[in-house]
Amino acid sequence: MYIFELIYKIYNKLKNPIKPIIMDYEREYQSCEHIFVPVDSTKKVLACTKCGLIKKVK
C-alpha cells in the first residue's frame, strides 16, 4: 500500500508542479497606510503592523 501512495505522490508532483508566488513588495509598501509600533523595549526600532516594514529611530 505504501508503494502505491509514493507513486501517487510522485505522479501528482510531476503533473501539478508547485508554482512559486511572486509578489511585488515595493507596491505593497507604497500602498500601505503605515502604523508603526515599537518592537523592542528601547523603542528605537519600529515596525508597521500591516506590512512589517521596519524603521530605526535615530
PDB file of N, CA and C in Angstrom:
ATOM      1  N   MET A   1       0.821  -1.189   0.000  1.00  0.00           N
ATOM      2  CA  MET A   1       0.000   0.000   0.000  1.00  0.00           C
ATOM      3  C   MET A   1       0.866   1.254   0.000  1.00  0.00           C
ATOM      4  N   TYR A   2       1.948   1.233   0.754  1.00  0.00           N
ATOM      5  CA  TYR A   2       2.820   2.383   0.858  1.00  0.00           C
ATOM      6  C   TYR A   2       3.451   2.735  -0.500  1.00  0.00           C
ATOM      7  N   ILE A   3       3.781   1.726  -1.273  1.00  0.00           N
ATOM      8  CA  ILE A   3       4.381   1.947  -2.592  1.00  0.00           C
ATOM      9  C   ILE A   3       3.401   2.676  -3.497  1.00  0.00           C
ATOM     10  N   PHE A   4       2.139   2.321  -3.445  1.00  0.00           N
ATOM     11  CA  PHE A   4       1.134   2.989  -4.276  1.00  0.00           C
ATOM     12  C   PHE A   4       0.971   4.457  -3.873  1.00  0.00           C
ATOM     13  N   GLU A   5       1.062   4.735  -2.579  1.00  0.00           N
ATOM     14  CA  GLU A   5       0.979   6.124  -2.119  1.00  0.00           C
ATOM     15  C   GLU A   5       2.162   6.939  -2.620  1.00  0.00           C
ATOM     16  N   LEU A   6       3.350   6.366  -2.600  1.00  0.00           N
ATOM     17  CA  LEU A   6       4.529   7.057  -3.105  1.00  0.00           C
ATOM     18  C   LEU A   6       4.412   7.326  -4.608  1.00  0.00           C
ATOM     19  N   ILE A   7       3.952   6.348  -5.343  1.00  0.00           N
ATOM     20  CA  ILE A   7       3.771   6.519  -6.782  1.00  0.00           C
ATOM     21  C   ILE A   7       2.740   7.611  -7.050  1.00  0.00           C
ATOM     22  N   TYR A   8       1.677   7.646  -6.284  1.00  0.00           N
ATOM     23  CA  TYR A   8       0.643   8.670  -6.448  1.00  0.00           C
ATOM     24  C   TYR A   8       1.200  10.065  -6.154  1.00  0.00           C
ATOM     25  N   LYS A   9       1.995  10.196  -5.100  1.00  0.00           N
ATOM     26  CA  LYS A   9       2.591  11.490  -4.760  1.00  0.00           C
ATOM     27  C   LYS A   9       3.540  11.968  -5.854  1.00  0.00           C
ATOM     28  N   ILE A  10       4.376  11.071  -6.353  1.00  0.00           N
ATOM     29  CA  ILE A  10       5.317  11.437  -7.414  1.00  0.00           C
ATOM     30  C   ILE A  10       4.562  11.836  -8.674  1.00  0.00           C
ATOM     31  N   TYR A  11       3.528  11.108  -9.007  1.00  0.00           N
ATOM     32  CA  TYR A  11       2.722  11.421 -10.183  1.00  0.00           C
ATOM     33  C   TYR A  11       2.081  12.798 -10.053  1.00  0.00           C
ATOM     34  N   ASN A  12       1.550  13.122  -8.881  1.00  0.00           N
ATOM     35  CA  ASN A  12       0.930  14.434  -8.669  1.00  0.00           C
ATOM     36  C   ASN A  12       1.950  15.563  -8.733  1.00  0.00           C
ATOM     37  N   LYS A  13       3.148  15.346  -8.231  1.00  0.00           N
ATOM     38  CA  LYS A  13       4.184  16.371  -8.293  1.00  0.00           C
ATOM     39  C   LYS A  13       4.593  16.641  -9.731  1.00  0.00           C
ATOM     40  N   LEU A  14       4.667  15.602 -10.542  1.00  0.00           N
ATOM     41  CA  LEU A  14       5.023  15.798 -11.940  1.00  0.00           C
ATOM     42  C   LEU A  14       3.887  16.433 -12.732  1.00  0.00           C
ATOM     43  N   LYS A  15       2.678  16.071 -12.411  1.00  0.00           N
ATOM     44  CA  LYS A  15       1.521  16.580 -13.137  1.00  0.00           C
ATOM     45  C   LYS A  15       1.204  18.029 -12.743  1.00  0.00           C
ATOM     46  N   ASN A  16       1.272  18.343 -11.457  1.00  0.00           N
ATOM     47  CA  ASN A  16       0.943  19.672 -10.945  1.00  0.00           C
ATOM     48  C   ASN A  16       2.112  20.225 -10.152  1.00  0.00           C
ATOM     49  N   PRO A  17       3.127  20.780 -10.827  1.00  0.00           N
ATOM     50  CA  PRO A  17       4.259  21.325 -10.068  1.00  0.00           C
ATOM     51  C   PRO A  17       3.834  22.573  -9.297  1.00  0.00           C
ATOM     52  N   ILE A  18       4.459  22.773  -8.163  1.00  0.00           N
ATOM     53  CA  ILE A  18       4.153  23.919  -7.312  1.00  0.00           C
ATOM     54  C   ILE A  18       4.784  25.162  -7.932  1.00  0.00           C
ATOM     55  N   LYS A  19       3.968  26.171  -8.148  1.00  0.00           N
ATOM     56  CA  LYS A  19       4.448  27.414  -8.731  1.00  0.00           C
ATOM     57  C   LYS A  19       4.704  28.409  -7.601  1.00  0.00           C
ATOM     58  N   PRO A  20       5.898  29.024  -7.575  1.00  0.00           N
ATOM     59  CA  PRO A  20       6.184  29.994  -6.522  1.00  0.00           C
ATOM     60  C   PRO A  20       5.338  31.253  -6.706  1.00  0.00           C
ATOM     61  N   ILE A  21       4.901  31.812  -5.605  1.00  0.00           N
ATOM     62  CA  ILE A  21       4.107  33.039  -5.628  1.00  0.00           C
ATOM     63  C   ILE A  21       5.067  34.217  -5.613  1.00  0.00           C
ATOM     64  N   ILE A  22       4.988  35.018  -6.649  1.00  0.00           N
ATOM     65  CA  ILE A  22       5.854  36.182  -6.763  1.00  0.00           C
ATOM     66  C   ILE A  22       5.016  37.423  -6.488  1.00  0.00           C
ATOM     67  N   MET A  23       5.380  38.129  -5.411  1.00  0.00           N
ATOM     68  CA  MET A  23       4.645  39.334  -5.051  1.00  0.00           C
ATOM     69  C   MET A  23       5.570  40.534  -5.188  1.00  0.00           C
ATOM     70  N   ASP A  24       5.009  41.650  -5.562  1.00  0.00           N
ATOM     71  CA  ASP A  24       5.773  42.874  -5.679  1.00  0.00           C
ATOM     72  C   ASP A  24       5.627  43.639  -4.363  1.00  0.00           C
ATOM     73  N   TYR A  25       6.617  43.491  -3.491  1.00  0.00           N
ATOM     74  CA  TYR A  25       6.544  44.092  -2.171  1.00  0.00           C
ATOM     75  C   TYR A  25       6.701  45.611  -2.212  1.00  0.00           C
ATOM     76  N   GLU A  26       7.356  46.128  -3.249  1.00  0.00           N
ATOM     77  CA  GLU A  26       7.501  47.576  -3.357  1.00  0.00           C
ATOM     78  C   GLU A  26       6.137  48.242  -3.490  1.00  0.00           C
ATOM     79  N   ARG A  27       5.260  47.684  -4.285  1.00  0.00           N
ATOM     80  CA  ARG A  27       3.920  48.247  -4.447  1.00  0.00           C
ATOM     81  C   ARG A  27       3.112  48.119  -3.159  1.00  0.00           C
ATOM     82  N   GLU A  28       3.304  46.998  -2.468  1.00  0.00           N
ATOM     83  CA  GLU A  28       2.577  46.792  -1.216  1.00  0.00           C
ATOM     84  C   GLU A  28       2.984  47.830  -0.175  1.00  0.00           C
ATOM     85  N   TYR A  29       4.285  48.119  -0.073  1.00  0.00           N
ATOM     86  CA  TYR A  29       4.755  49.113   0.890  1.00  0.00           C
ATOM     87  C   TYR A  29       4.258  50.512   0.542  1.00  0.00           C
ATOM     88  N   GLN A  30       4.220  50.820  -0.751  1.00  0.00           N
ATOM     89  CA  GLN A  30       3.777  52.146  -1.157  1.00  0.00           C
ATOM     90  C   GLN A  30       2.299  52.361  -0.904  1.00  0.00           C
ATOM     91  N   SER A  31       1.490  51.315  -1.038  1.00  0.00           N
ATOM     92  CA  SER A  31       0.048  51.467  -0.867  1.00  0.00           C
ATOM     93  C   SER A  31      -0.402  51.274   0.588  1.00  0.00           C
ATOM     94  N   CYS A  32       0.498  50.871   1.465  1.00  0.00           N
ATOM     95  CA  CYS A  32       0.150  50.619   2.862  1.00  0.00           C
ATOM     96  C   CYS A  32       0.048  51.936   3.632  1.00  0.00           C
ATOM     97  N   GLU A  33      -0.953  52.019   4.498  1.00  0.00           N
ATOM     98  CA  GLU A  33      -1.056  53.151   5.426  1.00  0.00           C
ATOM     99  C   GLU A  33      -0.367  52.704   6.717  1.00  0.00           C
ATOM    100  N   HIS A  34       0.904  53.050   6.835  1.00  0.00           N
ATOM    101  CA  HIS A  34       1.745  52.519   7.905  1.00  0.00           C
ATOM    102  C   HIS A  34       1.292  52.977   9.292  1.00  0.00           C
ATOM    103  N   ILE A  35       1.252  52.024  10.205  1.00  0.00           N
ATOM    104  CA  ILE A  35       1.036  52.286  11.627  1.00  0.00           C
ATOM    105  C   ILE A  35       2.216  51.624  12.341  1.00  0.00           C
ATOM    106  N   PHE A  36       3.137  52.439  12.821  1.00  0.00           N
ATOM    107  CA  PHE A  36       4.353  51.916  13.429  1.00  0.00           C
ATOM    108  C   PHE A  36       4.183  51.744  14.938  1.00  0.00           C
ATOM    109  N   VAL A  37       4.676  50.621  15.438  1.00  0.00           N
ATOM    110  CA  VAL A  37       4.691  50.332  16.868  1.00  0.00           C
ATOM    111  C   VAL A  37       6.105  49.876  17.234  1.00  0.00           C
ATOM    112  N   PRO A  38       6.540  50.101  18.480  1.00  0.00           N
ATOM    113  CA  PRO A  38       7.885  49.686  18.876  1.00  0.00           C
ATOM    114  C   PRO A  38       8.009  48.161  18.944  1.00  0.00           C
ATOM    115  N   VAL A  39       9.181  47.690  18.535  1.00  0.00           N
ATOM    116  CA  VAL A  39       9.448  46.255  18.540  1.00  0.00           C
ATOM    117  C   VAL A  39      10.154  45.836  19.819  1.00  0.00           C
ATOM    118  N   ASP A  40      11.055  46.682  20.297  1.00  0.00           N
ATOM    119  CA  ASP A  40      11.824  46.338  21.486  1.00  0.00           C
ATOM    120  C   ASP A  40      11.572  47.345  22.605  1.00  0.00           C
ATOM    121  N   SER A  41      12.170  47.105  23.750  1.00  0.00           N
ATOM    122  CA  SER A  41      11.923  47.947  24.921  1.00  0.00           C
ATOM    123  C   SER A  41      12.611  49.311  24.820  1.00  0.00           C
ATOM    124  N   THR A  42      13.613  49.448  23.962  1.00  0.00           N
ATOM    125  CA  THR A  42      14.296  50.736  23.817  1.00  0.00           C
ATOM    126  C   THR A  42      13.501  51.697  22.941  1.00  0.00           C
ATOM    127  N   LYS A  43      12.524  51.203  22.236  1.00  0.00           N
ATOM    128  CA  LYS A  43      11.660  51.972  21.330  1.00  0.00           C
ATOM    129  C   LYS A  43      12.454  52.701  20.255  1.00  0.00           C
ATOM    130  N   LYS A  44      13.570  52.091  19.825  1.00  0.00           N
ATOM    131  CA  LYS A  44      14.368  52.643  18.739  1.00  0.00           C
ATOM    132  C   LYS A  44      14.126  51.911  17.430  1.00  0.00           C
ATOM    133  N   VAL A  45      13.482  50.769  17.490  1.00  0.00           N
ATOM    134  CA  VAL A  45      13.156  50.003  16.281  1.00  0.00           C
ATOM    135  C   VAL A  45      11.642  49.920  16.202  1.00  0.00           C
ATOM    136  N   LEU A  46      11.095  50.400  15.080  1.00  0.00           N
ATOM    137  CA  LEU A  46       9.657  50.401  14.879  1.00  0.00           C
ATOM    138  C   LEU A  46       9.306  49.510  13.695  1.00  0.00           C
ATOM    139  N   ALA A  47       8.138  48.859  13.756  1.00  0.00           N
ATOM    140  CA  ALA A  47       7.676  48.016  12.662  1.00  0.00           C
ATOM    141  C   ALA A  47       6.220  48.339  12.359  1.00  0.00           C
ATOM    142  N   CYS A  48       5.863  48.281  11.083  1.00  0.00           N
ATOM    143  CA  CYS A  48       4.487  48.521  10.658  1.00  0.00           C
ATOM    144  C   CYS A  48       3.647  47.309  11.020  1.00  0.00           C
ATOM    145  N   THR A  49       2.467  47.541  11.548  1.00  0.00           N
ATOM    146  CA  THR A  49       1.599  46.432  11.946  1.00  0.00           C
ATOM    147  C   THR A  49       0.927  45.763  10.758  1.00  0.00           C
ATOM    148  N   LYS A  50       0.862  46.451   9.623  1.00  0.00           N
ATOM    149  CA  LYS A  50       0.152  45.905   8.467  1.00  0.00           C
ATOM    150  C   LYS A  50       1.077  45.169   7.490  1.00  0.00           C
ATOM    151  N   CYS A  51       2.237  45.765   7.175  1.00  0.00           N
ATOM    152  CA  CYS A  51       3.092  45.160   6.166  1.00  0.00           C
ATOM    153  C   CYS A  51       4.440  44.685   6.701  1.00  0.00           C
ATOM    154  N   GLY A  52       4.811  45.081   7.910  1.00  0.00           N
ATOM    155  CA  GLY A  52       6.063  44.611   8.502  1.00  0.00           C
ATOM    156  C   GLY A  52       7.275  45.433   8.163  1.00  0.00           C
ATOM    157  N   LEU A  53       7.093  46.610   7.575  1.00  0.00           N
ATOM    158  CA  LEU A  53       8.213  47.480   7.262  1.00  0.00           C
ATOM    159  C   LEU A  53       8.891  47.917   8.559  1.00  0.00           C
ATOM    160  N   ILE A  54      10.230  47.845   8.592  1.00  0.00           N
ATOM    161  CA  ILE A  54      10.982  48.165   9.804  1.00  0.00           C
ATOM    162  C   ILE A  54      11.708  49.482   9.610  1.00  0.00           C
ATOM    163  N   LYS A  55      11.632  50.353  10.606  1.00  0.00           N
ATOM    164  CA  LYS A  55      12.361  51.618  10.614  1.00  0.00           C
ATOM    165  C   LYS A  55      13.097  51.757  11.933  1.00  0.00           C
ATOM    166  N   LYS A  56      14.274  52.356  11.865  1.00  0.00           N
ATOM    167  CA  LYS A  56      15.057  52.604  13.071  1.00  0.00           C
ATOM    168  C   LYS A  56      15.025  54.084  13.376  1.00  0.00           C
ATOM    169  N   VAL A  57      14.770  54.425  14.630  1.00  0.00           N
ATOM    170  CA  VAL A  57      14.733  55.812  15.077  1.00  0.00           C
ATOM    171  C   VAL A  57      16.132  56.193  15.514  1.00  0.00           C
ATOM    172  N   LYS A  58      16.591  57.358  15.074  1.00  0.00           N
ATOM    173  CA  LYS A  58      17.951  57.792  15.434  1.00  0.00           C
ATOM    174  C   LYS A  58      17.950  58.566  16.726  1.00  0.00           C
TER     175      LYS A  58
END
